[in-house]
Amino acid sequence: MTQLLRSNIKNHNNKIVVLPNAINLPAQKFERTSFDQRPLKILFVGRFAANKGIHVLMDAAAQLNNGGYKNELEFHLVGKGPLFEHFSTTVKEQNVVFHGFADDDKLNSLYKDCDVFVLPTLFEGMPTVVLEAMSYSLPIVVTDTGATTVMVDSLNGYIIEKSDVKSLKDAISMYFVLNEQAKKRMAEQSYSRVKEKFTWPVIAQQHLELFQQMAEQKT
């Protein structure tokens, strides 16, 4: 949307301000202590719709299983939607778990229990679910679309190509072979980034400063 506005508004430099989404951090910081559990638990959270790239994730899971990772990985998918029945009934991989709808308690438990968050979405704005996963110190694997690169880079995860099974598979494989210290650094980067840049107190202050600047410009 920002690029679209910039391409259609003349002299836009002082007219477009980007303020990101935000979340509330968990009431108590979750201290992630295990970074080498097996099987590695991979979490997806989202609506089961065509744009979320679930077919990409399932293809990557099948290929990874065929490549020797069947006992090394677990895929946990949370959410409902028009494609839930299709995937939950046709996917036969034994290490793929479809949780369906999850209330806050169950979802927070999965954020804590899993090791890495994956969102192979085809198009997004700025997905709040990525920020939520970061608030639980999860490294992120996400598609380069919308504002995802504002939240994720090589310090706290992997940016993958859209509709690219190999790109997703490679990212999971690369994370899998990292040592514990490297995984811990990624986890810490996720939490510190969301705390410093994407909490409501931070974003509310940015809104306030913008409104003050606009008021000053009118006087």
N, C-alpha and C. Protein backbone atom coordinates (compact mmCIF):
# COMPACT_ATOMS: atom_id res chain seq x y z
N MET A 1 0.82 -1.20 0.00
CA MET A 1 0.00 0.00 0.00
C MET A 1 0.86 1.26 0.00
N THR A 2 1.94 1.23 0.77
CA THR A 2 2.82 2.40 0.83
C THR A 2 3.42 2.70 -0.54
N GLN A 3 3.89 1.68 -1.22
CA GLN A 3 4.47 1.87 -2.55
C GLN A 3 3.42 2.38 -3.53
N LEU A 4 2.20 1.89 -3.41
CA LEU A 4 1.12 2.34 -4.29
C LEU A 4 0.84 3.82 -4.07
N LEU A 5 0.79 4.24 -2.82
CA LEU A 5 0.57 5.66 -2.53
C LEU A 5 1.71 6.52 -3.05
N ARG A 6 2.94 6.06 -2.84
CA ARG A 6 4.09 6.83 -3.29
C ARG A 6 4.11 7.00 -4.80
N SER A 7 3.63 6.00 -5.51
CA SER A 7 3.65 6.07 -6.97
C SER A 7 2.53 6.94 -7.53
N ASN A 8 1.54 7.30 -6.69
CA ASN A 8 0.39 8.05 -7.19
C ASN A 8 0.21 9.42 -6.55
N ILE A 9 1.07 9.76 -5.59
CA ILE A 9 0.95 11.05 -4.94
C ILE A 9 2.19 11.88 -5.26
N LYS A 10 1.98 13.05 -5.83
CA LYS A 10 3.09 13.92 -6.17
C LYS A 10 3.68 14.54 -4.91
N ASN A 11 4.98 14.73 -4.91
CA ASN A 11 5.68 15.34 -3.78
C ASN A 11 5.28 14.67 -2.47
N HIS A 12 5.41 13.34 -2.45
CA HIS A 12 4.87 12.55 -1.33
C HIS A 12 5.78 12.50 -0.11
N ASN A 13 6.98 13.02 -0.21
CA ASN A 13 7.97 12.83 0.86
C ASN A 13 7.46 13.22 2.24
N ASN A 14 6.71 14.30 2.33
CA ASN A 14 6.22 14.77 3.62
C ASN A 14 4.75 14.44 3.85
N LYS A 15 4.19 13.60 2.99
CA LYS A 15 2.75 13.32 3.08
C LYS A 15 2.43 11.89 3.51
N ILE A 16 3.42 11.02 3.46
CA ILE A 16 3.16 9.62 3.80
C ILE A 16 3.99 9.23 5.02
N VAL A 17 3.31 8.78 6.04
CA VAL A 17 3.96 8.31 7.26
C VAL A 17 3.51 6.86 7.50
N VAL A 18 4.44 5.98 7.71
CA VAL A 18 4.12 4.57 7.95
C VAL A 18 4.21 4.28 9.43
N LEU A 19 3.09 3.86 10.02
CA LEU A 19 3.05 3.45 11.41
C LEU A 19 2.68 1.97 11.46
N PRO A 20 3.53 1.15 12.07
CA PRO A 20 3.30 -0.30 12.01
C PRO A 20 2.20 -0.78 12.94
N ASN A 21 1.80 -2.04 12.75
CA ASN A 21 0.92 -2.71 13.70
C ASN A 21 1.64 -2.90 15.03
N ALA A 22 0.89 -3.27 16.04
CA ALA A 22 1.48 -3.47 17.36
C ALA A 22 0.72 -4.54 18.12
N ILE A 23 1.32 -5.01 19.20
CA ILE A 23 0.68 -6.00 20.07
C ILE A 23 0.98 -5.65 21.52
N ASN A 24 0.28 -6.31 22.42
CA ASN A 24 0.64 -6.28 23.83
C ASN A 24 1.52 -7.49 24.11
N LEU A 25 2.61 -7.28 24.81
CA LEU A 25 3.48 -8.39 25.18
C LEU A 25 2.77 -9.28 26.20
N PRO A 26 3.16 -10.56 26.28
CA PRO A 26 2.63 -11.41 27.35
C PRO A 26 2.86 -10.76 28.71
N ALA A 27 1.93 -10.98 29.63
CA ALA A 27 2.03 -10.35 30.95
C ALA A 27 3.35 -10.68 31.63
N GLN A 28 3.82 -11.89 31.41
CA GLN A 28 5.11 -12.29 31.94
C GLN A 28 5.96 -12.83 30.80
N LYS A 29 7.18 -12.33 30.67
CA LYS A 29 8.05 -12.78 29.59
C LYS A 29 8.29 -14.29 29.68
N PHE A 30 8.13 -14.95 28.55
CA PHE A 30 8.40 -16.38 28.50
C PHE A 30 9.89 -16.60 28.29
N GLU A 31 10.51 -17.31 29.21
CA GLU A 31 11.93 -17.59 29.12
C GLU A 31 12.14 -18.92 28.40
N ARG A 32 12.52 -18.84 27.15
CA ARG A 32 12.75 -20.06 26.37
C ARG A 32 14.11 -20.64 26.76
N THR A 33 14.12 -21.88 27.22
CA THR A 33 15.35 -22.48 27.74
C THR A 33 15.87 -23.63 26.88
N SER A 34 15.00 -24.25 26.09
CA SER A 34 15.42 -25.39 25.27
C SER A 34 15.51 -24.97 23.81
N PHE A 35 16.66 -25.22 23.21
CA PHE A 35 16.86 -24.82 21.81
C PHE A 35 17.34 -25.99 20.95
N ASP A 36 17.26 -27.18 21.47
CA ASP A 36 17.73 -28.33 20.70
C ASP A 36 16.85 -29.55 20.91
N GLN A 37 15.54 -29.31 21.14
CA GLN A 37 14.66 -30.45 21.36
C GLN A 37 14.37 -31.17 20.04
N ARG A 38 14.15 -32.45 20.15
CA ARG A 38 13.78 -33.26 19.00
C ARG A 38 12.51 -34.03 19.33
N PRO A 39 11.54 -34.05 18.46
CA PRO A 39 11.58 -33.39 17.15
C PRO A 39 11.44 -31.87 17.26
N LEU A 40 11.99 -31.16 16.27
CA LEU A 40 11.84 -29.72 16.18
C LEU A 40 10.38 -29.43 15.83
N LYS A 41 9.75 -28.54 16.61
CA LYS A 41 8.33 -28.26 16.42
C LYS A 41 8.14 -26.94 15.66
N ILE A 42 7.46 -27.05 14.53
CA ILE A 42 7.25 -25.92 13.63
C ILE A 42 5.78 -25.52 13.71
N LEU A 43 5.52 -24.23 13.97
CA LEU A 43 4.16 -23.75 14.20
C LEU A 43 3.69 -22.83 13.09
N PHE A 44 2.48 -23.09 12.61
CA PHE A 44 1.77 -22.20 11.68
C PHE A 44 0.48 -21.78 12.36
N VAL A 45 0.15 -20.49 12.30
CA VAL A 45 -1.11 -19.99 12.81
C VAL A 45 -1.72 -19.08 11.75
N GLY A 46 -2.95 -19.37 11.36
CA GLY A 46 -3.59 -18.54 10.34
C GLY A 46 -4.89 -19.14 9.85
N ARG A 47 -5.60 -18.37 9.08
CA ARG A 47 -6.85 -18.84 8.49
C ARG A 47 -6.53 -19.82 7.38
N PHE A 48 -7.29 -20.90 7.32
CA PHE A 48 -7.08 -21.89 6.27
C PHE A 48 -7.75 -21.40 4.99
N ALA A 49 -7.03 -20.52 4.31
CA ALA A 49 -7.50 -19.92 3.06
C ALA A 49 -6.37 -19.97 2.06
N ALA A 50 -6.72 -19.78 0.78
CA ALA A 50 -5.75 -19.98 -0.30
C ALA A 50 -4.54 -19.06 -0.18
N ASN A 51 -4.73 -17.86 0.36
CA ASN A 51 -3.62 -16.90 0.38
C ASN A 51 -2.57 -17.20 1.45
N LYS A 52 -2.83 -18.13 2.35
CA LYS A 52 -1.89 -18.36 3.45
C LYS A 52 -0.75 -19.31 3.08
N GLY A 53 -0.79 -19.89 1.91
CA GLY A 53 0.33 -20.72 1.47
C GLY A 53 0.45 -22.04 2.21
N ILE A 54 -0.65 -22.56 2.73
CA ILE A 54 -0.60 -23.82 3.46
C ILE A 54 -0.17 -24.96 2.55
N HIS A 55 -0.56 -24.89 1.28
CA HIS A 55 -0.14 -25.93 0.33
C HIS A 55 1.38 -25.94 0.17
N VAL A 56 2.00 -24.76 0.26
CA VAL A 56 3.46 -24.69 0.19
C VAL A 56 4.08 -25.38 1.40
N LEU A 57 3.52 -25.11 2.57
CA LEU A 57 4.01 -25.73 3.80
C LEU A 57 3.84 -27.24 3.77
N MET A 58 2.71 -27.72 3.28
CA MET A 58 2.47 -29.16 3.23
C MET A 58 3.38 -29.85 2.22
N ASP A 59 3.63 -29.19 1.10
CA ASP A 59 4.58 -29.75 0.12
C ASP A 59 5.99 -29.80 0.71
N ALA A 60 6.37 -28.75 1.43
CA ALA A 60 7.70 -28.73 2.06
C ALA A 60 7.80 -29.83 3.11
N ALA A 61 6.73 -30.02 3.89
CA ALA A 61 6.74 -31.06 4.92
C ALA A 61 6.91 -32.44 4.29
N ALA A 62 6.18 -32.70 3.20
CA ALA A 62 6.28 -34.00 2.53
C ALA A 62 7.69 -34.23 1.99
N GLN A 63 8.26 -33.19 1.38
CA GLN A 63 9.61 -33.34 0.82
C GLN A 63 10.66 -33.52 1.91
N LEU A 64 10.51 -32.79 3.02
CA LEU A 64 11.44 -32.95 4.13
C LEU A 64 11.33 -34.35 4.73
N ASN A 65 10.12 -34.84 4.86
CA ASN A 65 9.92 -36.20 5.38
C ASN A 65 10.57 -37.24 4.47
N ASN A 66 10.38 -37.07 3.17
CA ASN A 66 10.99 -38.00 2.21
C ASN A 66 12.51 -37.88 2.20
N GLY A 67 13.01 -36.73 2.66
CA GLY A 67 14.45 -36.51 2.69
C GLY A 67 15.12 -36.93 3.99
N GLY A 68 14.36 -37.58 4.86
CA GLY A 68 14.95 -38.12 6.08
C GLY A 68 14.63 -37.38 7.37
N TYR A 69 13.72 -36.41 7.29
CA TYR A 69 13.39 -35.62 8.48
C TYR A 69 12.11 -36.08 9.19
N LYS A 70 11.55 -37.20 8.79
CA LYS A 70 10.24 -37.61 9.30
C LYS A 70 10.21 -37.69 10.82
N ASN A 71 11.28 -38.18 11.43
CA ASN A 71 11.33 -38.31 12.89
C ASN A 71 11.98 -37.12 13.57
N GLU A 72 12.38 -36.12 12.78
CA GLU A 72 13.11 -34.98 13.32
C GLU A 72 12.26 -33.71 13.41
N LEU A 73 11.11 -33.70 12.72
CA LEU A 73 10.28 -32.50 12.65
C LEU A 73 8.83 -32.81 13.00
N GLU A 74 8.15 -31.84 13.61
CA GLU A 74 6.70 -31.88 13.77
C GLU A 74 6.13 -30.56 13.26
N PHE A 75 5.03 -30.66 12.55
CA PHE A 75 4.37 -29.48 12.01
C PHE A 75 3.02 -29.31 12.71
N HIS A 76 2.84 -28.18 13.38
CA HIS A 76 1.62 -27.90 14.12
C HIS A 76 0.89 -26.74 13.45
N LEU A 77 -0.32 -26.98 12.97
CA LEU A 77 -1.08 -25.97 12.25
C LEU A 77 -2.32 -25.61 13.07
N VAL A 78 -2.48 -24.31 13.32
CA VAL A 78 -3.59 -23.79 14.11
C VAL A 78 -4.45 -22.89 13.23
N GLY A 79 -5.76 -23.08 13.30
CA GLY A 79 -6.67 -22.22 12.55
C GLY A 79 -7.78 -23.01 11.89
N LYS A 80 -8.80 -22.31 11.47
CA LYS A 80 -9.90 -22.90 10.70
C LYS A 80 -10.14 -22.02 9.49
N GLY A 81 -11.02 -22.48 8.61
CA GLY A 81 -11.31 -21.72 7.41
C GLY A 81 -11.79 -22.64 6.32
N PRO A 82 -12.06 -22.10 5.13
CA PRO A 82 -12.67 -22.90 4.06
C PRO A 82 -11.83 -24.08 3.60
N LEU A 83 -10.53 -24.06 3.80
CA LEU A 83 -9.68 -25.16 3.34
C LEU A 83 -9.27 -26.13 4.46
N PHE A 84 -9.82 -25.92 5.65
CA PHE A 84 -9.41 -26.77 6.77
C PHE A 84 -9.76 -28.24 6.53
N GLU A 85 -10.97 -28.51 6.11
CA GLU A 85 -11.39 -29.90 5.89
C GLU A 85 -10.55 -30.55 4.80
N HIS A 86 -10.26 -29.80 3.76
CA HIS A 86 -9.45 -30.35 2.66
C HIS A 86 -8.09 -30.81 3.17
N PHE A 87 -7.39 -29.93 3.86
CA PHE A 87 -6.04 -30.28 4.31
C PHE A 87 -6.05 -31.32 5.42
N SER A 88 -6.97 -31.18 6.36
CA SER A 88 -6.98 -32.10 7.50
C SER A 88 -7.38 -33.52 7.11
N THR A 89 -8.06 -33.66 5.98
CA THR A 89 -8.47 -35.00 5.55
C THR A 89 -7.58 -35.60 4.46
N THR A 90 -6.85 -34.77 3.75
CA THR A 90 -6.04 -35.29 2.65
C THR A 90 -4.56 -35.43 2.99
N VAL A 91 -4.08 -34.64 3.96
CA VAL A 91 -2.67 -34.73 4.33
C VAL A 91 -2.48 -35.95 5.23
N LYS A 92 -1.60 -36.84 4.83
CA LYS A 92 -1.41 -38.11 5.53
C LYS A 92 -0.08 -38.19 6.28
N GLU A 93 0.69 -37.11 6.29
CA GLU A 93 1.97 -37.14 6.98
C GLU A 93 1.73 -37.30 8.48
N GLN A 94 2.40 -38.27 9.08
CA GLN A 94 2.16 -38.59 10.49
C GLN A 94 2.66 -37.51 11.44
N ASN A 95 3.57 -36.68 10.99
CA ASN A 95 4.12 -35.65 11.87
C ASN A 95 3.50 -34.27 11.61
N VAL A 96 2.33 -34.25 10.99
CA VAL A 96 1.58 -33.01 10.77
C VAL A 96 0.32 -33.06 11.64
N VAL A 97 0.17 -32.06 12.52
CA VAL A 97 -0.95 -32.02 13.46
C VAL A 97 -1.82 -30.82 13.14
N PHE A 98 -3.12 -31.07 12.92
CA PHE A 98 -4.08 -29.99 12.68
C PHE A 98 -4.85 -29.74 13.97
N HIS A 99 -4.61 -28.60 14.59
CA HIS A 99 -5.23 -28.29 15.88
C HIS A 99 -6.60 -27.65 15.72
N GLY A 100 -6.93 -27.15 14.54
CA GLY A 100 -8.17 -26.41 14.38
C GLY A 100 -8.13 -25.11 15.15
N PHE A 101 -9.32 -24.64 15.56
CA PHE A 101 -9.38 -23.40 16.34
C PHE A 101 -8.70 -23.60 17.69
N ALA A 102 -7.95 -22.59 18.13
CA ALA A 102 -7.30 -22.64 19.43
C ALA A 102 -7.66 -21.38 20.21
N ASP A 103 -8.15 -21.54 21.44
CA ASP A 103 -8.40 -20.37 22.27
C ASP A 103 -7.07 -19.79 22.74
N ASP A 104 -7.13 -18.68 23.45
CA ASP A 104 -5.89 -17.99 23.83
C ASP A 104 -4.97 -18.88 24.65
N ASP A 105 -5.54 -19.64 25.58
CA ASP A 105 -4.70 -20.48 26.44
C ASP A 105 -3.96 -21.53 25.63
N LYS A 106 -4.68 -22.19 24.71
CA LYS A 106 -4.05 -23.22 23.90
C LYS A 106 -3.02 -22.62 22.95
N LEU A 107 -3.37 -21.49 22.34
CA LEU A 107 -2.45 -20.85 21.40
C LEU A 107 -1.17 -20.41 22.12
N ASN A 108 -1.32 -19.80 23.28
CA ASN A 108 -0.14 -19.37 24.03
C ASN A 108 0.72 -20.56 24.43
N SER A 109 0.07 -21.68 24.75
CA SER A 109 0.81 -22.89 25.09
C SER A 109 1.62 -23.40 23.90
N LEU A 110 1.04 -23.32 22.70
CA LEU A 110 1.75 -23.75 21.50
C LEU A 110 2.90 -22.81 21.17
N TYR A 111 2.69 -21.51 21.35
CA TYR A 111 3.80 -20.57 21.16
C TYR A 111 4.98 -20.93 22.05
N LYS A 112 4.68 -21.36 23.27
CA LYS A 112 5.74 -21.71 24.22
C LYS A 112 6.39 -23.04 23.87
N ASP A 113 5.59 -23.98 23.40
CA ASP A 113 6.07 -25.35 23.21
C ASP A 113 6.82 -25.54 21.90
N CYS A 114 6.48 -24.72 20.89
CA CYS A 114 7.10 -24.90 19.58
C CYS A 114 8.43 -24.14 19.50
N ASP A 115 9.18 -24.43 18.43
CA ASP A 115 10.55 -23.93 18.31
C ASP A 115 10.73 -22.84 17.26
N VAL A 116 9.92 -22.85 16.24
CA VAL A 116 10.06 -21.88 15.16
C VAL A 116 8.69 -21.65 14.53
N PHE A 117 8.44 -20.41 14.11
CA PHE A 117 7.15 -20.04 13.53
C PHE A 117 7.29 -19.87 12.03
N VAL A 118 6.34 -20.43 11.28
CA VAL A 118 6.40 -20.40 9.82
C VAL A 118 5.10 -19.81 9.25
N LEU A 119 5.22 -18.85 8.33
CA LEU A 119 4.07 -18.28 7.65
C LEU A 119 4.41 -18.09 6.17
N PRO A 120 4.12 -19.11 5.33
CA PRO A 120 4.46 -19.01 3.91
C PRO A 120 3.36 -18.31 3.10
N THR A 121 2.83 -17.23 3.63
CA THR A 121 1.70 -16.52 3.06
C THR A 121 2.02 -15.96 1.67
N LEU A 122 1.00 -15.85 0.85
CA LEU A 122 1.18 -15.33 -0.51
C LEU A 122 1.03 -13.82 -0.57
N PHE A 123 0.19 -13.26 0.29
CA PHE A 123 0.11 -11.81 0.39
C PHE A 123 -0.43 -11.42 1.76
N GLU A 124 0.09 -10.33 2.29
CA GLU A 124 -0.27 -9.84 3.62
C GLU A 124 -0.09 -8.33 3.66
N GLY A 125 -0.61 -7.74 4.72
CA GLY A 125 -0.25 -6.37 5.05
C GLY A 125 0.94 -6.45 6.00
N MET A 126 0.61 -6.46 7.30
CA MET A 126 1.64 -6.66 8.33
C MET A 126 1.04 -7.63 9.34
N PRO A 127 1.27 -8.92 9.16
CA PRO A 127 0.57 -9.94 9.95
C PRO A 127 0.88 -9.87 11.44
N THR A 128 -0.16 -9.63 12.23
CA THR A 128 -0.01 -9.53 13.68
C THR A 128 0.48 -10.84 14.28
N VAL A 129 0.10 -11.95 13.65
CA VAL A 129 0.49 -13.26 14.19
C VAL A 129 2.01 -13.41 14.25
N VAL A 130 2.72 -12.78 13.34
CA VAL A 130 4.19 -12.83 13.39
C VAL A 130 4.70 -12.10 14.63
N LEU A 131 4.11 -10.96 14.93
CA LEU A 131 4.50 -10.22 16.13
C LEU A 131 4.20 -11.02 17.39
N GLU A 132 3.05 -11.69 17.39
CA GLU A 132 2.70 -12.52 18.55
C GLU A 132 3.73 -13.63 18.75
N ALA A 133 4.11 -14.28 17.66
CA ALA A 133 5.12 -15.34 17.76
C ALA A 133 6.45 -14.78 18.26
N MET A 134 6.82 -13.61 17.79
CA MET A 134 8.06 -12.97 18.24
C MET A 134 8.01 -12.65 19.73
N SER A 135 6.82 -12.31 20.23
CA SER A 135 6.70 -11.97 21.65
C SER A 135 6.92 -13.19 22.54
N TYR A 136 6.87 -14.38 21.96
CA TYR A 136 7.21 -15.60 22.68
C TYR A 136 8.60 -16.12 22.27
N SER A 137 9.41 -15.23 21.76
CA SER A 137 10.81 -15.53 21.43
C SER A 137 10.94 -16.65 20.39
N LEU A 138 10.05 -16.64 19.41
CA LEU A 138 10.15 -17.63 18.34
C LEU A 138 10.87 -17.03 17.14
N PRO A 139 11.89 -17.70 16.62
CA PRO A 139 12.44 -17.34 15.31
C PRO A 139 11.35 -17.48 14.25
N ILE A 140 11.45 -16.71 13.17
CA ILE A 140 10.38 -16.62 12.19
C ILE A 140 10.88 -17.00 10.80
N VAL A 141 10.05 -17.78 10.09
CA VAL A 141 10.23 -18.01 8.65
C VAL A 141 9.00 -17.46 7.97
N VAL A 142 9.17 -16.45 7.11
CA VAL A 142 8.01 -15.78 6.52
C VAL A 142 8.32 -15.32 5.11
N THR A 143 7.29 -15.26 4.30
CA THR A 143 7.41 -14.83 2.91
C THR A 143 7.72 -13.34 2.80
N ASP A 144 8.47 -12.99 1.79
CA ASP A 144 8.77 -11.59 1.49
C ASP A 144 7.55 -10.97 0.82
N THR A 145 6.63 -10.48 1.63
CA THR A 145 5.43 -9.84 1.10
C THR A 145 4.91 -8.84 2.13
N GLY A 146 4.24 -7.80 1.67
CA GLY A 146 3.74 -6.80 2.59
C GLY A 146 4.87 -6.19 3.39
N ALA A 147 4.66 -6.10 4.71
CA ALA A 147 5.65 -5.47 5.59
C ALA A 147 6.43 -6.50 6.40
N THR A 148 6.53 -7.72 5.91
CA THR A 148 7.19 -8.75 6.70
C THR A 148 8.66 -8.47 6.93
N THR A 149 9.32 -7.82 5.98
CA THR A 149 10.75 -7.55 6.14
C THR A 149 11.01 -6.44 7.15
N VAL A 150 9.97 -5.73 7.58
CA VAL A 150 10.12 -4.77 8.67
C VAL A 150 10.29 -5.51 10.00
N MET A 151 9.67 -6.69 10.08
CA MET A 151 9.68 -7.45 11.33
C MET A 151 10.79 -8.49 11.38
N VAL A 152 11.15 -9.04 10.22
CA VAL A 152 12.04 -10.20 10.18
C VAL A 152 13.20 -9.96 9.24
N ASP A 153 14.39 -10.36 9.68
CA ASP A 153 15.56 -10.41 8.81
C ASP A 153 16.43 -11.57 9.25
N SER A 154 17.67 -11.61 8.82
CA SER A 154 18.53 -12.74 9.10
C SER A 154 18.90 -12.85 10.58
N LEU A 155 18.66 -11.79 11.36
CA LEU A 155 18.99 -11.85 12.79
C LEU A 155 17.96 -12.64 13.59
N ASN A 156 16.72 -12.61 13.16
CA ASN A 156 15.69 -13.33 13.92
C ASN A 156 14.90 -14.33 13.09
N GLY A 157 15.38 -14.63 11.87
CA GLY A 157 14.68 -15.63 11.08
C GLY A 157 15.11 -15.67 9.64
N TYR A 158 14.18 -16.06 8.80
CA TYR A 158 14.46 -16.25 7.37
C TYR A 158 13.32 -15.66 6.55
N ILE A 159 13.68 -14.92 5.52
CA ILE A 159 12.71 -14.42 4.54
C ILE A 159 12.75 -15.35 3.34
N ILE A 160 11.59 -15.91 2.97
CA ILE A 160 11.53 -16.87 1.87
C ILE A 160 10.77 -16.27 0.68
N GLU A 161 10.94 -16.91 -0.46
CA GLU A 161 10.27 -16.46 -1.68
C GLU A 161 8.83 -16.97 -1.72
N LYS A 162 7.97 -16.20 -2.35
CA LYS A 162 6.56 -16.55 -2.44
C LYS A 162 6.33 -17.81 -3.29
N SER A 163 5.49 -18.71 -2.81
CA SER A 163 5.09 -19.93 -3.52
C SER A 163 6.28 -20.81 -3.88
N ASP A 164 7.33 -20.75 -3.07
CA ASP A 164 8.56 -21.46 -3.37
C ASP A 164 8.82 -22.52 -2.30
N VAL A 165 8.48 -23.76 -2.62
CA VAL A 165 8.63 -24.86 -1.67
C VAL A 165 10.09 -25.04 -1.28
N LYS A 166 10.99 -24.94 -2.24
CA LYS A 166 12.41 -25.12 -1.96
C LYS A 166 12.92 -24.06 -0.99
N SER A 167 12.48 -22.81 -1.18
CA SER A 167 12.91 -21.73 -0.31
C SER A 167 12.49 -22.00 1.14
N LEU A 168 11.26 -22.47 1.33
CA LEU A 168 10.77 -22.80 2.66
C LEU A 168 11.51 -24.00 3.23
N LYS A 169 11.67 -25.00 2.41
CA LYS A 169 12.37 -26.22 2.85
C LYS A 169 13.80 -25.90 3.26
N ASP A 170 14.47 -25.07 2.49
CA ASP A 170 15.85 -24.69 2.80
C ASP A 170 15.93 -23.92 4.12
N ALA A 171 14.97 -23.03 4.34
CA ALA A 171 14.97 -22.24 5.58
C ALA A 171 14.81 -23.14 6.80
N ILE A 172 13.88 -24.09 6.72
CA ILE A 172 13.68 -25.02 7.83
C ILE A 172 14.94 -25.87 8.05
N SER A 173 15.53 -26.32 6.96
CA SER A 173 16.74 -27.14 7.07
C SER A 173 17.89 -26.36 7.68
N MET A 174 18.03 -25.09 7.27
CA MET A 174 19.12 -24.26 7.79
C MET A 174 18.93 -24.01 9.29
N TYR A 175 17.69 -23.75 9.69
CA TYR A 175 17.47 -23.55 11.12
C TYR A 175 17.73 -24.83 11.90
N PHE A 176 17.32 -25.95 11.34
CA PHE A 176 17.46 -27.24 12.02
C PHE A 176 18.92 -27.52 12.40
N VAL A 177 19.86 -27.19 11.53
CA VAL A 177 21.26 -27.55 11.78
C VAL A 177 22.02 -26.50 12.57
N LEU A 178 21.38 -25.38 12.91
CA LEU A 178 22.07 -24.38 13.73
C LEU A 178 22.38 -24.95 15.11
N ASN A 179 23.46 -24.45 15.72
CA ASN A 179 23.75 -24.88 17.08
C ASN A 179 22.84 -24.13 18.05
N GLU A 180 22.86 -24.56 19.30
CA GLU A 180 21.95 -24.00 20.30
C GLU A 180 22.15 -22.50 20.50
N GLN A 181 23.39 -22.05 20.48
CA GLN A 181 23.66 -20.63 20.70
C GLN A 181 23.09 -19.77 19.57
N ALA A 182 23.22 -20.24 18.35
CA ALA A 182 22.68 -19.49 17.21
C ALA A 182 21.15 -19.42 17.28
N LYS A 183 20.52 -20.51 17.66
CA LYS A 183 19.07 -20.52 17.81
C LYS A 183 18.63 -19.59 18.93
N LYS A 184 19.39 -19.61 20.02
CA LYS A 184 19.07 -18.73 21.15
C LYS A 184 19.19 -17.27 20.75
N ARG A 185 20.20 -16.93 19.97
CA ARG A 185 20.36 -15.53 19.52
C ARG A 185 19.18 -15.10 18.67
N MET A 186 18.72 -15.97 17.78
CA MET A 186 17.56 -15.65 16.96
C MET A 186 16.33 -15.40 17.83
N ALA A 187 16.12 -16.29 18.80
CA ALA A 187 14.98 -16.16 19.69
C ALA A 187 15.02 -14.84 20.46
N GLU A 188 16.18 -14.50 20.97
CA GLU A 188 16.34 -13.26 21.72
C GLU A 188 16.12 -12.04 20.83
N GLN A 189 16.58 -12.12 19.59
CA GLN A 189 16.38 -11.02 18.65
C GLN A 189 14.90 -10.80 18.36
N SER A 190 14.15 -11.89 18.22
CA SER A 190 12.71 -11.77 17.98
C SER A 190 12.04 -11.01 19.11
N TYR A 191 12.33 -11.43 20.34
CA TYR A 191 11.67 -10.79 21.49
C TYR A 191 12.09 -9.33 21.63
N SER A 192 13.39 -9.06 21.56
CA SER A 192 13.86 -7.68 21.75
C SER A 192 13.32 -6.76 20.66
N ARG A 193 13.20 -7.28 19.44
CA ARG A 193 12.71 -6.44 18.34
C ARG A 193 11.24 -6.06 18.53
N VAL A 194 10.43 -7.03 18.90
CA VAL A 194 9.02 -6.72 19.09
C VAL A 194 8.82 -5.82 20.30
N LYS A 195 9.62 -6.01 21.34
CA LYS A 195 9.50 -5.18 22.53
C LYS A 195 9.90 -3.73 22.24
N GLU A 196 10.94 -3.54 21.47
CA GLU A 196 11.45 -2.20 21.22
C GLU A 196 10.66 -1.44 20.16
N LYS A 197 10.06 -2.17 19.20
CA LYS A 197 9.49 -1.48 18.04
C LYS A 197 8.00 -1.69 17.82
N PHE A 198 7.40 -2.73 18.38
CA PHE A 198 6.04 -3.08 17.95
C PHE A 198 5.07 -3.33 19.10
N THR A 199 5.28 -2.68 20.24
CA THR A 199 4.29 -2.76 21.31
C THR A 199 3.40 -1.52 21.27
N TRP A 200 2.21 -1.62 21.86
CA TRP A 200 1.27 -0.51 21.78
C TRP A 200 1.78 0.78 22.43
N PRO A 201 2.49 0.74 23.55
CA PRO A 201 3.04 2.00 24.08
C PRO A 201 3.98 2.70 23.09
N VAL A 202 4.80 1.92 22.40
CA VAL A 202 5.73 2.48 21.43
C VAL A 202 4.98 3.09 20.25
N ILE A 203 4.03 2.32 19.70
CA ILE A 203 3.29 2.79 18.52
C ILE A 203 2.33 3.93 18.87
N ALA A 204 1.74 3.89 20.07
CA ALA A 204 0.87 4.99 20.50
C ALA A 204 1.66 6.29 20.59
N GLN A 205 2.89 6.21 21.08
CA GLN A 205 3.74 7.40 21.16
C GLN A 205 4.04 7.93 19.77
N GLN A 206 4.25 7.05 18.80
CA GLN A 206 4.49 7.49 17.43
C GLN A 206 3.26 8.19 16.85
N HIS A 207 2.07 7.68 17.17
CA HIS A 207 0.84 8.34 16.73
C HIS A 207 0.74 9.74 17.35
N LEU A 208 1.01 9.82 18.65
CA LEU A 208 0.92 11.10 19.34
C LEU A 208 1.87 12.13 18.74
N GLU A 209 3.09 11.71 18.48
CA GLU A 209 4.08 12.62 17.90
C GLU A 209 3.65 13.08 16.51
N LEU A 210 3.06 12.16 15.74
CA LEU A 210 2.57 12.53 14.40
C LEU A 210 1.45 13.55 14.50
N PHE A 211 0.50 13.33 15.40
CA PHE A 211 -0.61 14.27 15.55
C PHE A 211 -0.10 15.64 16.00
N GLN A 212 0.90 15.65 16.87
CA GLN A 212 1.47 16.92 17.33
C GLN A 212 2.15 17.65 16.17
N GLN A 213 2.86 16.92 15.34
CA GLN A 213 3.51 17.53 14.17
C GLN A 213 2.48 18.11 13.22
N MET A 214 1.39 17.37 13.01
CA MET A 214 0.32 17.85 12.11
C MET A 214 -0.32 19.11 12.66
N ALA A 215 -0.51 19.14 13.98
CA ALA A 215 -1.12 20.32 14.60
C ALA A 215 -0.21 21.53 14.47
N GLU A 216 1.11 21.30 14.65
CA GLU A 216 2.07 22.40 14.53
C GLU A 216 2.12 22.95 13.12
N GLN A 217 1.97 22.07 12.14
CA GLN A 217 2.03 22.50 10.74
C GLN A 217 0.82 23.38 10.39
N LYS A 218 -0.28 23.22 11.11
CA LYS A 218 -1.49 23.99 10.81
C LYS A 218 -1.46 25.36 11.46
N THR A 219 -0.60 25.53 12.46
CA THR A 219 -0.57 26.81 13.19
C THR A 219 0.43 27.78 12.54
